[in-house]
C-alpha atoms as a PDB file:
ATOM      1  CA  MET A   1      40.607  23.993 -53.003  1.00  0.00           C
ATOM      2  CA  ALA A   2      37.651  21.798 -51.953  1.00  0.00           C
ATOM      3  CA  LYS A   3      37.153  21.360 -48.025  1.00  0.00           C
ATOM      4  CA  ILE A   4      34.447  19.101 -46.322  1.00  0.00           C
ATOM      5  CA  ARG A   5      32.918  20.976 -44.205  1.00  0.00           C
ATOM      6  CA  SER A   6      31.413  18.659 -41.839  1.00  0.00           C
ATOM      7  CA  PRO A   7      33.936  16.256 -39.820  1.00  0.00           C
ATOM      8  CA  ASN A   8      31.183  13.763 -39.446  1.00  0.00           C
ATOM      9  CA  TYR A   9      30.826  13.453 -43.237  1.00  0.00           C
ATOM     10  CA  LEU A  10      33.232  10.531 -43.772  1.00  0.00           C
ATOM     11  CA  LYS A  11      31.640   8.751 -41.160  1.00  0.00           C
ATOM     12  CA  LEU A  12      28.051   9.346 -42.995  1.00  0.00           C
ATOM     13  CA  VAL A  13      29.631   7.998 -46.225  1.00  0.00           C
ATOM     14  CA  ILE A  14      30.900   4.712 -44.654  1.00  0.00           C
ATOM     15  CA  ASP A  15      27.743   4.057 -43.145  1.00  0.00           C
ATOM     16  CA  GLY A  16      25.867   4.540 -46.488  1.00  0.00           C
ATOM     17  CA  LYS A  17      23.853   7.631 -45.255  1.00  0.00           C
ATOM     18  CA  ARG A  18      25.654   9.998 -47.548  1.00  0.00           C
ATOM     19  CA  ARG A  19      27.320   9.832 -50.867  1.00  0.00           C
ATOM     20  CA  ILE A  20      30.517  10.945 -52.459  1.00  0.00           C
ATOM     21  CA  THR A  21      29.687  13.476 -55.197  1.00  0.00           C
ATOM     22  CA  GLU A  22      31.810  14.626 -57.934  1.00  0.00           C
ATOM     23  CA  ARG A  23      31.680  18.147 -56.134  1.00  0.00           C
ATOM     24  CA  SER A  24      33.278  16.755 -52.751  1.00  0.00           C
ATOM     25  CA  LEU A  25      35.152  13.874 -54.531  1.00  0.00           C
ATOM     26  CA  GLU A  26      38.101  16.421 -54.886  1.00  0.00           C
ATOM     27  CA  ALA A  27      37.971  16.893 -50.986  1.00  0.00           C
ATOM     28  CA  PHE A  28      38.248  13.292 -50.302  1.00  0.00           C
ATOM     29  CA  VAL A  29      41.395  13.032 -52.503  1.00  0.00           C
ATOM     30  CA  LEU A  30      42.916  15.931 -50.635  1.00  0.00           C
ATOM     31  CA  GLY A  31      41.583  14.928 -47.338  1.00  0.00           C
ATOM     32  CA  LEU A  32      42.800  11.419 -47.895  1.00  0.00           C
ATOM     33  CA  LYS A  33      46.010  12.876 -49.282  1.00  0.00           C
ATOM     34  CA  LEU A  34      45.814  10.466 -52.248  1.00  0.00           C
ATOM     35  CA  GLN A  35      48.427  11.276 -55.351  1.00  0.00           C
ATOM     36  CA  GLY A  36      48.923   9.826 -58.439  1.00  0.00           C
ATOM     37  CA  VAL A  37      47.760   6.187 -59.507  1.00  0.00           C
ATOM     38  CA  GLU A  38      45.792   5.941 -55.825  1.00  0.00           C
ATOM     39  CA  SER A  39      43.851   9.399 -56.823  1.00  0.00           C
ATOM     40  CA  GLU A  40      42.999   8.144 -60.235  1.00  0.00           C
ATOM     41  CA  TYR A  41      41.960   4.669 -58.675  1.00  0.00           C
ATOM     42  CA  PHE A  42      39.821   5.986 -56.044  1.00  0.00           C
ATOM     43  CA  ARG A  43      38.048   8.575 -58.335  1.00  0.00           C
ATOM     44  CA  ASN A  44      37.335   5.691 -60.765  1.00  0.00           C
ATOM     45  CA  LEU A  45      36.243   3.826 -57.833  1.00  0.00           C
ATOM     46  CA  VAL A  46      33.532   6.780 -56.834  1.00  0.00           C
ATOM     47  CA  ARG A  47      32.615   7.241 -60.191  1.00  0.00           C
ATOM     48  CA  SER A  48      32.044   3.526 -61.138  1.00  0.00           C
ATOM     49  CA  GLU A  49      29.540   3.305 -57.912  1.00  0.00           C
ATOM     50  CA  GLU A  50      27.699   6.859 -58.297  1.00  0.00           C
ATOM     51  CA  ALA A  51      27.418   7.603 -61.749  1.00  0.00           C
ATOM     52  CA  ASP A  52      23.992   7.558 -63.252  1.00  0.00           C
ATOM     53  CA  ASP A  53      25.292   7.359 -66.877  1.00  0.00           C
ATOM     54  CA  SER A  54      25.931   3.645 -67.732  1.00  0.00           C
ATOM     55  CA  GLN A  55      28.814   4.603 -70.294  1.00  0.00           C
ATOM     56  CA  VAL A  56      30.439   6.751 -67.041  1.00  0.00           C
ATOM     57  CA  ARG A  57      30.377   3.730 -65.085  1.00  0.00           C
ATOM     58  CA  ALA A  58      31.254   1.066 -67.802  1.00  0.00           C
ATOM     59  CA  GLN A  59      34.458   3.487 -68.537  1.00  0.00           C
ATOM     60  CA  SER A  60      35.339   3.759 -64.631  1.00  0.00           C
ATOM     61  CA  ILE A  61      35.413  -0.100 -64.436  1.00  0.00           C
ATOM     62  CA  ARG A  62      37.315  -0.612 -67.276  1.00  0.00           C
ATOM     63  CA  ARG A  63      39.908   2.439 -66.096  1.00  0.00           C
ATOM     64  CA  LEU A  64      40.045   0.136 -62.589  1.00  0.00           C
ATOM     65  CA  VAL A  65      40.894  -2.962 -64.255  1.00  0.00           C
ATOM     66  CA  GLU A  66      43.545  -1.231 -66.328  1.00  0.00           C
ATOM     67  CA  LEU A  67      44.984   0.007 -63.246  1.00  0.00           C
ATOM     68  CA  ARG A  68      44.753  -3.128 -61.190  1.00  0.00           C
ATOM     69  CA  ASN A  69      46.443  -5.018 -64.091  1.00  0.00           C
ATOM     70  CA  GLU A  70      49.047  -2.263 -64.522  1.00  0.00           C
ATOM     71  CA  SER A  71      49.693  -2.561 -60.476  1.00  0.00           C
ATOM     72  CA  ALA A  72      49.748  -6.400 -60.830  1.00  0.00           C
ATOM     73  CA  ARG A  73      52.628  -6.256 -63.498  1.00  0.00           C
ATOM     74  CA  GLY A  74      54.810  -4.060 -61.256  1.00  0.00           C
ATOM     75  CA  TRP A  75      54.242  -6.290 -58.225  1.00  0.00           C
ATOM     76  CA  ALA A  76      54.908  -9.312 -60.591  1.00  0.00           C
ATOM     77  CA  ALA A  77      57.956  -7.738 -61.633  1.00  0.00           C
ATOM     78  CA  ARG A  78      59.269  -7.419 -58.094  1.00  0.00           C
ATOM     79  CA  GLY A  79      58.719 -10.886 -57.189  1.00  0.00           C
ATOM     80  CA  ALA A  80      55.175 -11.087 -55.596  1.00  0.00           C
ATOM     81  CA  GLU A  81      52.227 -13.233 -57.013  1.00  0.00           C
ATOM     82  CA  ILE A  82      49.420 -11.271 -58.057  1.00  0.00           C
ATOM     83  CA  ALA A  83      46.953 -12.253 -60.623  1.00  0.00           C
ATOM     84  CA  PRO A  84      45.668  -9.878 -63.182  1.00  0.00           C
ATOM     85  CA  VAL A  85      41.838  -9.510 -63.457  1.00  0.00           C
END
């Protein structure tokens, strides 16, 4: 199981002084207790921002849009108004 060693790491990420790497990504998912769609969304969000490869970035953005639209359809089915992207 991945573990973030520094309790200050999240603050450094938020302040833009550190990046979430592929190596630290799982530690964040576990630490934030993300599961299912939330963990998939977070992983793709990080990859869309941090990927050096433009194909990986584009694939992550496409998946974020898919997840957003799936979520919007679910909310709409329950009567909420969220417009798909």
